[in-house]
C-alpha atoms as a PDB file:
ATOM      1  CA  UNK A   1     272.004-155.025  57.618  1.00  0.00           C
ATOM      2  CA  UNK A   2     269.734-152.971  59.967  1.00  0.00           C
ATOM      3  CA  UNK A   3     272.458-151.105  61.256  1.00  0.00           C
ATOM      4  CA  UNK A   4     273.548-150.073  57.899  1.00  0.00           C
ATOM      5  CA  UNK A   5     270.156-149.270  56.795  1.00  0.00           C
ATOM      6  CA  UNK A   6     270.152-146.913  60.139  1.00  0.00           C
ATOM      7  CA  UNK A   7     273.289-145.609  59.206  1.00  0.00           C
ATOM      8  CA  UNK A   8     271.799-144.351  55.689  1.00  0.00           C
ATOM      9  CA  UNK A   9     268.813-142.881  57.412  1.00  0.00           C
ATOM     10  CA  UNK A  10     270.812-140.782  59.436  1.00  0.00           C
ATOM     11  CA  UNK A  11     272.839-139.774  56.754  1.00  0.00           C
ATOM     12  CA  UNK A  12     269.824-138.679  54.870  1.00  0.00           C
ATOM     13  CA  UNK A  13     269.185-136.087  57.893  1.00  0.00           C
ATOM     14  CA  UNK A  14     272.394-134.535  57.232  1.00  0.00           C
ATOM     15  CA  UNK A  15     271.819-133.787  53.663  1.00  0.00           C
ATOM     16  CA  UNK A  16     269.574-131.039  52.599  1.00  0.00           C
ATOM     17  CA  UNK A  17     267.283-131.892  49.999  1.00  0.00           C
ATOM     18  CA  UNK A  18     265.414-128.604  50.023  1.00  0.00           C
ATOM     19  CA  UNK A  19     267.067-127.079  46.947  1.00  0.00           C
ATOM     20  CA  UNK A  20     266.411-130.226  44.898  1.00  0.00           C
ATOM     21  CA  UNK A  21     262.867-130.328  45.944  1.00  0.00           C
ATOM     22  CA  UNK A  22     262.360-126.781  45.369  1.00  0.00           C
ATOM     23  CA  UNK A  23     263.847-126.788  41.820  1.00  0.00           C
ATOM     24  CA  UNK A  24     262.078-129.946  40.782  1.00  0.00           C
ATOM     25  CA  UNK A  25     258.493-128.379  41.877  1.00  0.00           C
ATOM     26  CA  UNK A  26     259.247-125.006  40.316  1.00  0.00           C
ATOM     27  CA  UNK A  27     256.771-124.127  37.533  1.00  0.00           C
ATOM     28  CA  UNK A  28     257.842-124.563  33.837  1.00  0.00           C
ATOM     29  CA  UNK A  29     255.783-123.042  30.962  1.00  0.00           C
ATOM     30  CA  UNK A  30     256.810-123.679  27.347  1.00  0.00           C
ATOM     31  CA  UNK A  31     255.155-121.745  24.421  1.00  0.00           C
ATOM     32  CA  UNK A  32     255.323-123.054  20.927  1.00  0.00           C
ATOM     33  CA  UNK A  33     255.011-120.276  18.041  1.00  0.00           C
ATOM     34  CA  UNK A  34     255.317-120.327  14.204  1.00  0.00           C
ATOM     35  CA  UNK A  35     253.544-119.661  11.155  1.00  0.00           C
ATOM     36  CA  UNK A  36     252.755-123.403  10.502  1.00  0.00           C
ATOM     37  CA  UNK A  37     249.920-124.656  12.343  1.00  0.00           C
ATOM     38  CA  UNK A  38     251.137-128.341  11.467  1.00  0.00           C
ATOM     39  CA  UNK A  39     254.834-127.698  12.594  1.00  0.00           C
ATOM     40  CA  UNK A  40     253.376-126.114  15.744  1.00  0.00           C
ATOM     41  CA  UNK A  41     251.004-129.055  16.349  1.00  0.00           C
ATOM     42  CA  UNK A  42     253.877-131.611  15.833  1.00  0.00           C
ATOM     43  CA  UNK A  43     256.300-129.920  18.509  1.00  0.00           C
ATOM     44  CA  UNK A  44     253.493-129.767  21.113  1.00  0.00           C
ATOM     45  CA  UNK A  45     252.569-133.347  20.364  1.00  0.00           C
ATOM     46  CA  UNK A  46     256.264-134.150  20.974  1.00  0.00           C
ATOM     47  CA  UNK A  47     256.484-132.202  24.157  1.00  0.00           C
ATOM     48  CA  UNK A  48     253.520-133.459  25.561  1.00  0.00           C
ATOM     49  CA  UNK A  49     253.033-136.917  24.153  1.00  0.00           C
ATOM     50  CA  UNK A  50     249.922-136.062  22.660  1.00  0.00           C
ATOM     51  CA  UNK A  51     248.258-134.769  25.668  1.00  0.00           C
ATOM     52  CA  UNK A  52     247.910-131.219  25.275  1.00  0.00           C
ATOM     53  CA  UNK A  53     245.471-129.297  26.471  1.00  0.00           C
ATOM     54  CA  UNK A  54     244.504-126.942  29.548  1.00  0.00           C
ATOM     55  CA  UNK A  55     246.518-127.542  32.564  1.00  0.00           C
ATOM     56  CA  UNK A  56     249.793-128.784  30.479  1.00  0.00           C
ATOM     57  CA  UNK A  57     252.895-126.750  30.602  1.00  0.00           C
ATOM     58  CA  UNK A  58     253.030-126.235  27.069  1.00  0.00           C
ATOM     59  CA  UNK A  59     250.714-123.779  25.304  1.00  0.00           C
ATOM     60  CA  UNK A  60     250.352-123.006  21.566  1.00  0.00           C
ATOM     61  CA  UNK A  61     250.360-119.566  19.966  1.00  0.00           C
ATOM     62  CA  UNK A  62     249.512-118.230  16.560  1.00  0.00           C
ATOM     63  CA  UNK A  63     252.080-115.675  15.424  1.00  0.00           C
ATOM     64  CA  UNK A  64     249.396-114.008  13.351  1.00  0.00           C
ATOM     65  CA  UNK A  65     247.708-112.913  16.461  1.00  0.00           C
ATOM     66  CA  UNK A  66     250.774-110.899  17.220  1.00  0.00           C
ATOM     67  CA  UNK A  67     252.827-110.409  20.661  1.00  0.00           C
ATOM     68  CA  UNK A  68     250.954-112.338  23.716  1.00  0.00           C
ATOM     69  CA  UNK A  69     251.042-112.298  27.304  1.00  0.00           C
ATOM     70  CA  UNK A  70     251.764-116.165  26.780  1.00  0.00           C
ATOM     71  CA  UNK A  71     255.535-114.937  26.044  1.00  0.00           C
ATOM     72  CA  UNK A  72     255.898-113.366  29.489  1.00  0.00           C
ATOM     73  CA  UNK A  73     254.619-116.156  31.343  1.00  0.00           C
ATOM     74  CA  UNK A  74     256.734-118.723  29.391  1.00  0.00           C
ATOM     75  CA  UNK A  75     260.160-120.092  30.620  1.00  0.00           C
ATOM     76  CA  UNK A  76     261.090-120.682  27.133  1.00  0.00           C
ATOM     77  CA  UNK A  77     259.921-120.418  23.614  1.00  0.00           C
ATOM     78  CA  UNK A  78     260.161-122.669  20.491  1.00  0.00           C
ATOM     79  CA  UNK A  79     259.567-121.030  17.528  1.00  0.00           C
ATOM     80  CA  UNK A  80     258.706-123.552  14.549  1.00  0.00           C
ATOM     81  CA  UNK A  81     260.216-122.358  11.092  1.00  0.00           C
ATOM     82  CA  UNK A  82     258.720-125.593   9.271  1.00  0.00           C
ATOM     83  CA  UNK A  83     260.356-126.463   6.429  1.00  0.00           C
ATOM     84  CA  UNK A  84     262.996-123.312   6.662  1.00  0.00           C
ATOM     85  CA  UNK A  85     260.597-120.481   5.333  1.00  0.00           C
ATOM     86  CA  UNK A  86     261.690-117.448   7.197  1.00  0.00           C
ATOM     87  CA  UNK A  87     259.369-114.364   7.079  1.00  0.00           C
ATOM     88  CA  UNK A  88     260.153-110.800   8.500  1.00  0.00           C
ATOM     89  CA  UNK A  89     257.406-111.226  10.733  1.00  0.00           C
ATOM     90  CA  UNK A  90     259.101-114.258  12.261  1.00  0.00           C
ATOM     91  CA  UNK A  91     262.476-112.524  12.760  1.00  0.00           C
ATOM     92  CA  UNK A  92     260.490-109.548  14.487  1.00  0.00           C
ATOM     93  CA  UNK A  93     258.495-111.935  16.723  1.00  0.00           C
ATOM     94  CA  UNK A  94     261.673-113.841  17.876  1.00  0.00           C
ATOM     95  CA  UNK A  95     263.481-110.572  18.580  1.00  0.00           C
ATOM     96  CA  UNK A  96     260.576-109.434  20.825  1.00  0.00           C
ATOM     97  CA  UNK A  97     260.392-112.421  22.804  1.00  0.00           C
ATOM     98  CA  UNK A  98     264.333-112.552  23.012  1.00  0.00           C
ATOM     99  CA  UNK A  99     264.332-108.941  24.109  1.00  0.00           C
ATOM    100  CA  UNK A 100     262.088-110.027  26.812  1.00  0.00           C
ATOM    101  CA  UNK A 101     265.035-112.228  28.451  1.00  0.00           C
ATOM    102  CA  UNK A 102     263.372-115.287  27.271  1.00  0.00           C
ATOM    103  CA  UNK A 103     265.455-118.142  25.735  1.00  0.00           C
ATOM    104  CA  UNK A 104     264.196-119.141  22.164  1.00  0.00           C
ATOM    105  CA  UNK A 105     264.862-122.216  20.493  1.00  0.00           C
ATOM    106  CA  UNK A 106     264.021-121.718  16.601  1.00  0.00           C
ATOM    107  CA  UNK A 107     263.489-125.124  14.882  1.00  0.00           C
ATOM    108  CA  UNK A 108     263.743-125.989  11.037  1.00  0.00           C
ATOM    109  CA  UNK A 109     263.081-129.616   9.625  1.00  0.00           C
ATOM    110  CA  UNK A 110     264.388-131.185   6.769  1.00  0.00           C
ATOM    111  CA  UNK A 111     267.850-131.203   4.764  1.00  0.00           C
ATOM    112  CA  UNK A 112     267.207-127.775   2.782  1.00  0.00           C
ATOM    113  CA  UNK A 113     268.373-124.563   3.792  1.00  0.00           C
ATOM    114  CA  UNK A 114     266.392-121.757   5.099  1.00  0.00           C
ATOM    115  CA  UNK A 115     264.442-119.640   2.608  1.00  0.00           C
ATOM    116  CA  UNK A 116     263.040-116.220   2.490  1.00  0.00           C
ATOM    117  CA  UNK A 117     263.988-112.731   1.334  1.00  0.00           C
ATOM    118  CA  UNK A 118     267.494-111.501   1.886  1.00  0.00           C
ATOM    119  CA  UNK A 119     266.170-109.004   4.529  1.00  0.00           C
ATOM    120  CA  UNK A 120     264.660-111.623   6.470  1.00  0.00           C
ATOM    121  CA  UNK A 121     267.451-114.064   6.283  1.00  0.00           C
ATOM    122  CA  UNK A 122     269.964-111.457   7.155  1.00  0.00           C
ATOM    123  CA  UNK A 123     267.858-110.386  10.275  1.00  0.00           C
ATOM    124  CA  UNK A 124     267.759-114.062  11.437  1.00  0.00           C
ATOM    125  CA  UNK A 125     271.549-114.285  11.161  1.00  0.00           C
ATOM    126  CA  UNK A 126     271.896-110.955  13.084  1.00  0.00           C
ATOM    127  CA  UNK A 127     269.385-112.180  15.698  1.00  0.00           C
ATOM    128  CA  UNK A 128     271.450-115.519  16.255  1.00  0.00           C
ATOM    129  CA  UNK A 129     274.490-113.755  16.256  1.00  0.00           C
ATOM    130  CA  UNK A 130     273.555-111.010  18.812  1.00  0.00           C
ATOM    131  CA  UNK A 131     275.164-111.815  22.228  1.00  0.00           C
ATOM    132  CA  UNK A 132     272.595-110.287  24.316  1.00  0.00           C
ATOM    133  CA  UNK A 133     270.117-112.696  23.427  1.00  0.00           C
ATOM    134  CA  UNK A 134     269.712-116.289  24.259  1.00  0.00           C
ATOM    135  CA  UNK A 135     268.697-117.617  20.865  1.00  0.00           C
ATOM    136  CA  UNK A 136     269.549-121.072  19.199  1.00  0.00           C
ATOM    137  CA  UNK A 137     268.549-122.621  15.770  1.00  0.00           C
ATOM    138  CA  UNK A 138     268.079-126.190  15.803  1.00  0.00           C
ATOM    139  CA  UNK A 139     268.087-128.078  12.466  1.00  0.00           C
ATOM    140  CA  UNK A 140     266.321-131.539  12.439  1.00  0.00           C
ATOM    141  CA  UNK A 141     266.420-134.303   9.690  1.00  0.00           C
ATOM    142  CA  UNK A 142     263.086-134.878   7.815  1.00  0.00           C
ATOM    143  CA  UNK A 143     262.157-137.734  10.092  1.00  0.00           C
ATOM    144  CA  UNK A 144     263.427-138.144  13.725  1.00  0.00           C
ATOM    145  CA  UNK A 145     266.206-136.267  15.422  1.00  0.00           C
ATOM    146  CA  UNK A 146     263.710-134.938  17.875  1.00  0.00           C
ATOM    147  CA  UNK A 147     266.333-135.545  20.628  1.00  0.00           C
ATOM    148  CA  UNK A 148     268.277-132.764  19.143  1.00  0.00           C
ATOM    149  CA  UNK A 149     265.409-130.461  19.992  1.00  0.00           C
ATOM    150  CA  UNK A 150     264.650-131.720  23.417  1.00  0.00           C
ATOM    151  CA  UNK A 151     268.549-131.288  24.420  1.00  0.00           C
ATOM    152  CA  UNK A 152     268.537-127.807  23.217  1.00  0.00           C
ATOM    153  CA  UNK A 153     265.500-127.078  25.229  1.00  0.00           C
ATOM    154  CA  UNK A 154     267.089-128.481  28.511  1.00  0.00           C
ATOM    155  CA  UNK A 155     270.277-126.799  27.887  1.00  0.00           C
ATOM    156  CA  UNK A 156     268.425-123.235  28.056  1.00  0.00           C
ATOM    157  CA  UNK A 157     266.377-124.371  30.594  1.00  0.00           C
ATOM    158  CA  UNK A 158     269.608-125.118  32.924  1.00  0.00           C
ATOM    159  CA  UNK A 159     268.451-125.649  36.531  1.00  0.00           C
ATOM    160  CA  UNK A 160     264.700-126.153  35.509  1.00  0.00           C
ATOM    161  CA  UNK A 161     265.493-129.362  33.904  1.00  0.00           C
ATOM    162  CA  UNK A 162     264.388-131.290  36.935  1.00  0.00           C
ATOM    163  CA  UNK A 163     261.021-129.570  36.721  1.00  0.00           C
ATOM    164  CA  UNK A 164     260.726-130.078  33.060  1.00  0.00           C
ATOM    165  CA  UNK A 165     261.402-133.806  33.209  1.00  0.00           C
ATOM    166  CA  UNK A 166     258.699-133.785  36.219  1.00  0.00           C
ATOM    167  CA  UNK A 167     256.086-132.216  34.257  1.00  0.00           C
ATOM    168  CA  UNK A 168     256.709-133.349  30.952  1.00  0.00           C
ATOM    169  CA  UNK A 169     257.755-137.276  30.560  1.00  0.00           C
ATOM    170  CA  UNK A 170     259.371-136.942  27.086  1.00  0.00           C
ATOM    171  CA  UNK A 171     262.566-135.226  29.011  1.00  0.00           C
ATOM    172  CA  UNK A 172     262.807-137.894  31.465  1.00  0.00           C
ATOM    173  CA  UNK A 173     265.225-140.409  29.821  1.00  0.00           C
ATOM    174  CA  UNK A 174     267.715-137.429  28.801  1.00  0.00           C
ATOM    175  CA  UNK A 175     267.634-136.054  32.138  1.00  0.00           C
ATOM    176  CA  UNK A 176     268.058-139.119  34.189  1.00  0.00           C
ATOM    177  CA  UNK A 177     270.856-140.347  31.980  1.00  0.00           C
ATOM    178  CA  UNK A 178     272.597-137.022  32.486  1.00  0.00           C
ATOM    179  CA  UNK A 179     272.218-136.878  36.465  1.00  0.00           C
ATOM    180  CA  UNK A 180     273.363-140.667  36.329  1.00  0.00           C
ATOM    181  CA  UNK A 181     276.727-139.792  34.139  1.00  0.00           C
ATOM    182  CA  UNK A 182     277.339-136.626  36.325  1.00  0.00           C
ATOM    183  CA  UNK A 183     277.193-138.415  39.527  1.00  0.00           C
ATOM    184  CA  UNK A 184     279.213-141.152  38.728  1.00  0.00           C
ATOM    185  CA  UNK A 185     281.972-139.249  37.162  1.00  0.00           C
ATOM    186  CA  UNK A 186     281.851-136.998  40.015  1.00  0.00           C
ATOM    187  CA  UNK A 187     282.394-140.183  42.368  1.00  0.00           C
ATOM    188  CA  UNK A 188     284.865-141.688  40.234  1.00  0.00           C
ATOM    189  CA  UNK A 189     286.945-138.278  40.267  1.00  0.00           C
ATOM    190  CA  UNK A 190     286.564-137.845  44.252  1.00  0.00           C
ATOM    191  CA  UNK A 191     287.466-141.706  44.561  1.00  0.00           C
ATOM    192  CA  UNK A 192     290.742-141.096  42.445  1.00  0.00           C
ATOM    193  CA  UNK A 193     291.568-137.855  44.289  1.00  0.00           C
ATOM    194  CA  UNK A 194     290.799-139.445  47.680  1.00  0.00           C
ATOM    195  CA  UNK A 195     293.626-142.050  47.092  1.00  0.00           C
ATOM    196  CA  UNK A 196     296.268-139.136  47.987  1.00  0.00           C
ATOM    197  CA  UNK A 197     295.954-139.985  51.678  1.00  0.00           C
ATOM    198  CA  UNK A 198     297.733-143.354  50.645  1.00  0.00           C
ATOM    199  CA  UNK A 199     300.540-141.340  49.194  1.00  0.00           C
ATOM    200  CA  UNK A 200     300.883-138.238  51.229  1.00  0.00           C
ATOM    201  CA  UNK A 201     301.012-138.761  54.806  1.00  0.00           C
ATOM    202  CA  UNK A 202     300.166-135.419  56.045  1.00  0.00           C
ATOM    203  CA  UNK A 203     296.842-135.628  54.033  1.00  0.00           C
ATOM    204  CA  UNK A 204     296.355-138.960  55.141  1.00  0.00           C
ATOM    205  CA  UNK A 205     296.346-138.010  58.807  1.00  0.00           C
ATOM    206  CA  UNK A 206     293.597-135.576  57.669  1.00  0.00           C
ATOM    207  CA  UNK A 207     291.390-137.282  55.239  1.00  0.00           C
ATOM    208  CA  UNK A 208     290.039-140.755  56.332  1.00  0.00           C
ATOM    209  CA  UNK A 209     288.618-143.631  54.360  1.00  0.00           C
ATOM    210  CA  UNK A 210     285.017-143.250  56.378  1.00  0.00           C
ATOM    211  CA  UNK A 211     285.084-139.644  55.251  1.00  0.00           C
ATOM    212  CA  UNK A 212     285.567-140.831  51.609  1.00  0.00           C
ATOM    213  CA  UNK A 213     282.568-143.231  51.886  1.00  0.00           C
ATOM    214  CA  UNK A 214     280.570-140.769  53.291  1.00  0.00           C
ATOM    215  CA  UNK A 215     280.912-138.310  50.549  1.00  0.00           C
ATOM    216  CA  UNK A 216     280.501-141.119  48.063  1.00  0.00           C
ATOM    217  CA  UNK A 217     277.085-142.391  49.578  1.00  0.00           C
ATOM    218  CA  UNK A 218     275.666-138.992  50.006  1.00  0.00           C
ATOM    219  CA  UNK A 219     276.069-138.150  46.174  1.00  0.00           C
ATOM    220  CA  UNK A 220     274.503-141.135  45.660  1.00  0.00           C
ATOM    221  CA  UNK A 221     271.652-140.668  47.964  1.00  0.00           C
ATOM    222  CA  UNK A 222     271.043-137.036  46.430  1.00  0.00           C
ATOM    223  CA  UNK A 223     271.076-138.983  42.878  1.00  0.00           C
ATOM    224  CA  UNK A 224     268.283-141.334  43.881  1.00  0.00           C
ATOM    225  CA  UNK A 225     266.352-138.534  45.186  1.00  0.00           C
ATOM    226  CA  UNK A 226     266.778-136.545  41.975  1.00  0.00           C
ATOM    227  CA  UNK A 227     265.806-139.482  40.017  1.00  0.00           C
ATOM    228  CA  UNK A 228     262.569-139.906  42.120  1.00  0.00           C
ATOM    229  CA  UNK A 229     261.761-136.208  41.626  1.00  0.00           C
ATOM    230  CA  UNK A 230     262.413-136.471  37.712  1.00  0.00           C
ATOM    231  CA  UNK A 231     259.871-139.471  37.456  1.00  0.00           C
ATOM    232  CA  UNK A 232     257.268-137.579  39.159  1.00  0.00           C
ATOM    233  CA  UNK A 233     257.537-139.273  42.875  1.00  0.00           C
ATOM    234  CA  UNK A 234     256.197-137.737  46.031  1.00  0.00           C
ATOM    235  CA  UNK A 235     259.328-136.220  47.101  1.00  0.00           C
ATOM    236  CA  UNK A 236     257.908-134.169  50.332  1.00  0.00           C
ATOM    237  CA  UNK A 237     259.648-137.033  52.536  1.00  0.00           C
ATOM    238  CA  UNK A 238     263.167-137.720  51.655  1.00  0.00           C
ATOM    239  CA  UNK A 239     263.288-140.435  54.221  1.00  0.00           C
ATOM    240  CA  UNK A 240     260.127-142.185  52.498  1.00  0.00           C
ATOM    241  CA  UNK A 241     261.999-141.939  49.156  1.00  0.00           C
ATOM    242  CA  UNK A 242     264.930-143.799  50.532  1.00  0.00           C
ATOM    243  CA  UNK A 243     262.873-146.382  52.193  1.00  0.00           C
ATOM    244  CA  UNK A 244     261.306-147.062  49.130  1.00  0.00           C
ATOM    245  CA  UNK A 245     264.267-147.354  47.249  1.00  0.00           C
ATOM    246  CA  UNK A 246     266.477-149.321  49.768  1.00  0.00           C
ATOM    247  CA  UNK A 247     265.415-152.727  48.560  1.00  0.00           C
ATOM    248  CA  UNK A 248     266.060-151.583  44.971  1.00  0.00           C
ATOM    249  CA  UNK A 249     269.568-150.072  45.260  1.00  0.00           C
ATOM    250  CA  UNK A 250     270.504-151.063  48.552  1.00  0.00           C
ATOM    251  CA  UNK A 251     273.567-153.419  47.572  1.00  0.00           C
ATOM    252  CA  UNK A 252     275.090-150.562  45.459  1.00  0.00           C
ATOM    253  CA  UNK A 253     275.002-148.115  48.659  1.00  0.00           C
ATOM    254  CA  UNK A 254     276.975-150.825  50.431  1.00  0.00           C
ATOM    255  CA  UNK A 255     280.395-150.534  48.946  1.00  0.00           C
ATOM    256  CA  UNK A 256     282.051-153.481  50.341  1.00  0.00           C
ATOM    257  CA  UNK A 257     279.042-155.473  49.253  1.00  0.00           C
ATOM    258  CA  UNK A 258     279.030-154.257  45.993  1.00  0.00           C
ATOM    259  CA  UNK A 259     282.891-154.554  45.554  1.00  0.00           C
ATOM    260  CA  UNK A 260     282.236-158.459  45.952  1.00  0.00           C
ATOM    261  CA  UNK A 261     279.453-158.324  43.335  1.00  0.00           C
ATOM    262  CA  UNK A 262     281.780-156.384  40.812  1.00  0.00           C
ATOM    263  CA  UNK A 263     284.550-158.829  41.668  1.00  0.00           C
ATOM    264  CA  UNK A 264     282.212-161.910  40.396  1.00  0.00           C
ATOM    265  CA  UNK A 265     281.832-160.294  36.961  1.00  0.00           C
ATOM    266  CA  UNK A 266     285.488-159.379  36.008  1.00  0.00           C
ATOM    267  CA  UNK A 267     288.492-162.187  35.604  1.00  0.00           C
ATOM    268  CA  UNK A 268     290.688-160.597  38.025  1.00  0.00           C
ATOM    269  CA  UNK A 269     290.310-160.276  42.050  1.00  0.00           C
ATOM    270  CA  UNK A 270     288.909-157.546  44.082  1.00  0.00           C
ATOM    271  CA  UNK A 271     292.508-156.065  44.751  1.00  0.00           C
ATOM    272  CA  UNK A 272     292.968-155.177  41.372  1.00  0.00           C
ATOM    273  CA  UNK A 273     289.773-152.956  41.304  1.00  0.00           C
ATOM    274  CA  UNK A 274     290.677-149.494  41.444  1.00  0.00           C
ATOM    275  CA  UNK A 275     288.637-147.267  43.652  1.00  0.00           C
ATOM    276  CA  UNK A 276     287.271-145.428  40.827  1.00  0.00           C
ATOM    277  CA  UNK A 277     285.917-148.109  38.909  1.00  0.00           C
ATOM    278  CA  UNK A 278     284.168-149.229  42.211  1.00  0.00           C
ATOM    279  CA  UNK A 279     283.069-145.543  42.832  1.00  0.00           C
ATOM    280  CA  UNK A 280     281.776-145.060  39.352  1.00  0.00           C
ATOM    281  CA  UNK A 281     280.012-148.562  38.801  1.00  0.00           C
ATOM    282  CA  UNK A 282     278.383-148.234  42.271  1.00  0.00           C
ATOM    283  CA  UNK A 283     276.761-145.019  41.472  1.00  0.00           C
ATOM    284  CA  UNK A 284     275.862-146.013  37.789  1.00  0.00           C
ATOM    285  CA  UNK A 285     274.168-149.155  38.803  1.00  0.00           C
ATOM    286  CA  UNK A 286     272.211-147.469  41.711  1.00  0.00           C
ATOM    287  CA  UNK A 287     271.163-144.739  39.057  1.00  0.00           C
ATOM    288  CA  UNK A 288     269.904-147.248  36.460  1.00  0.00           C
ATOM    289  CA  UNK A 289     268.067-149.144  39.393  1.00  0.00           C
ATOM    290  CA  UNK A 290     266.269-146.146  40.536  1.00  0.00           C
ATOM    291  CA  UNK A 291     265.408-145.120  36.872  1.00  0.00           C
ATOM    292  CA  UNK A 292     263.922-148.531  36.349  1.00  0.00           C
ATOM    293  CA  UNK A 293     262.013-148.474  39.317  1.00  0.00           C
ATOM    294  CA  UNK A 294     260.267-145.148  38.782  1.00  0.00           C
ATOM    295  CA  UNK A 295     259.756-145.441  35.104  1.00  0.00           C
ATOM    296  CA  UNK A 296     258.247-149.052  35.293  1.00  0.00           C
ATOM    297  CA  UNK A 297     256.929-149.245  38.875  1.00  0.00           C
ATOM    298  CA  UNK A 298     258.653-152.530  39.284  1.00  0.00           C
ATOM    299  CA  UNK A 299     262.076-153.644  41.073  1.00  0.00           C
ATOM    300  CA  UNK A 300     264.769-154.773  39.104  1.00  0.00           C
ATOM    301  CA  UNK A 301     265.164-158.668  39.292  1.00  0.00           C
ATOM    302  CA  UNK A 302     268.923-160.182  39.818  1.00  0.00           C
ATOM    303  CA  UNK A 303     269.354-160.611  36.542  1.00  0.00           C
ATOM    304  CA  UNK A 304     268.808-157.187  35.558  1.00  0.00           C
ATOM    305  CA  UNK A 305     271.047-155.673  38.407  1.00  0.00           C
ATOM    306  CA  UNK A 306     273.724-157.996  37.107  1.00  0.00           C
ATOM    307  CA  UNK A 307     273.283-156.163  33.564  1.00  0.00           C
ATOM    308  CA  UNK A 308     273.275-152.826  35.369  1.00  0.00           C
ATOM    309  CA  UNK A 309     276.520-153.998  36.729  1.00  0.00           C
ATOM    310  CA  UNK A 310     278.246-155.228  33.647  1.00  0.00           C
ATOM    311  CA  UNK A 311     276.867-151.899  31.811  1.00  0.00           C
ATOM    312  CA  UNK A 312     278.363-149.928  34.456  1.00  0.00           C
ATOM    313  CA  UNK A 313     281.610-151.642  34.459  1.00  0.00           C
ATOM    314  CA  UNK A 314     282.171-151.182  30.737  1.00  0.00           C
ATOM    315  CA  UNK A 315     281.687-147.495  31.180  1.00  0.00           C
ATOM    316  CA  UNK A 316     283.926-147.277  34.113  1.00  0.00           C
ATOM    317  CA  UNK A 317     286.569-148.886  32.370  1.00  0.00           C
ATOM    318  CA  UNK A 318     286.266-146.773  29.447  1.00  0.00           C
ATOM    319  CA  UNK A 319     286.330-143.633  31.534  1.00  0.00           C
ATOM    320  CA  UNK A 320     289.234-145.021  33.367  1.00  0.00           C
ATOM    321  CA  UNK A 321     291.211-145.738  30.159  1.00  0.00           C
ATOM    322  CA  UNK A 322     290.763-142.285  28.905  1.00  0.00           C
ATOM    323  CA  UNK A 323     291.887-140.812  32.052  1.00  0.00           C
ATOM    324  CA  UNK A 324     295.069-142.827  31.933  1.00  0.00           C
ATOM    325  CA  UNK A 325     295.383-142.300  28.238  1.00  0.00           C
ATOM    326  CA  UNK A 326     295.080-146.044  27.383  1.00  0.00           C
ATOM    327  CA  UNK A 327     293.324-147.954  24.819  1.00  0.00           C
ATOM    328  CA  UNK A 328     289.762-147.669  24.480  1.00  0.00           C
END
């Protein structure tokens, strides 16, 4: 165990965490505008968890005050159209913000369509279809459906999603789930491709099993570090992050041990477990363990880890069946 732990720390020294750390610590500013004060306030409360005020990355803007320097500092602008009322002043303000190069997410709530004079509605249609601007209209149901708005914001923020989640907890579950899913699929795809050495001798002389495990484990380390960043952990020292998480996700890093864990959960032997399933499930379970630890402050117990493994296996099986075109 000690030798494996040292190997992980040696591996961490080879990984550059600077880009992840830089992205996670970048400032994010969201501006919320719109004619309806109630609609603006509801969006601000959603984004901040009701903790809005000075020092938070979310600012509210009253469009009756006209253009504001707030937009120049904003990473993205959310424009509340309330129950769908569109005025020409709304269109003009959104266009001026979009022309500054700022992404705009316009939001309307309720099942009814947009209302307003024909000039305003035509202007909004033109604005939404103008390829020069990054603007999207999100229609939310009368109650709930907030995740659609959060996902639209994250899609526009792109690489700022880590920083947004770090500063605004409402984004954390979505970003963590995305990171876990993407990294698990990437490791599964790599494991599938790395089976080539077993079939093609020439490639087999170049690519070794040790190299395969190195890539898979590096991806897991990066995933755990990103989740730590998302949930607001101190990420100045990558070594400390890994040391903190080793007791939590250590079993998932050690592939041979993980294979035995997974074999105990399925009715067939370990020899029948494809490398893709092990790679996906191990990465997924490691991600869930890290997310649980940073979101609750507690280490998952044995029963919870078994649940994580089972969930990971089900997702891995589904992914493999889709890949092979089998039944779902």
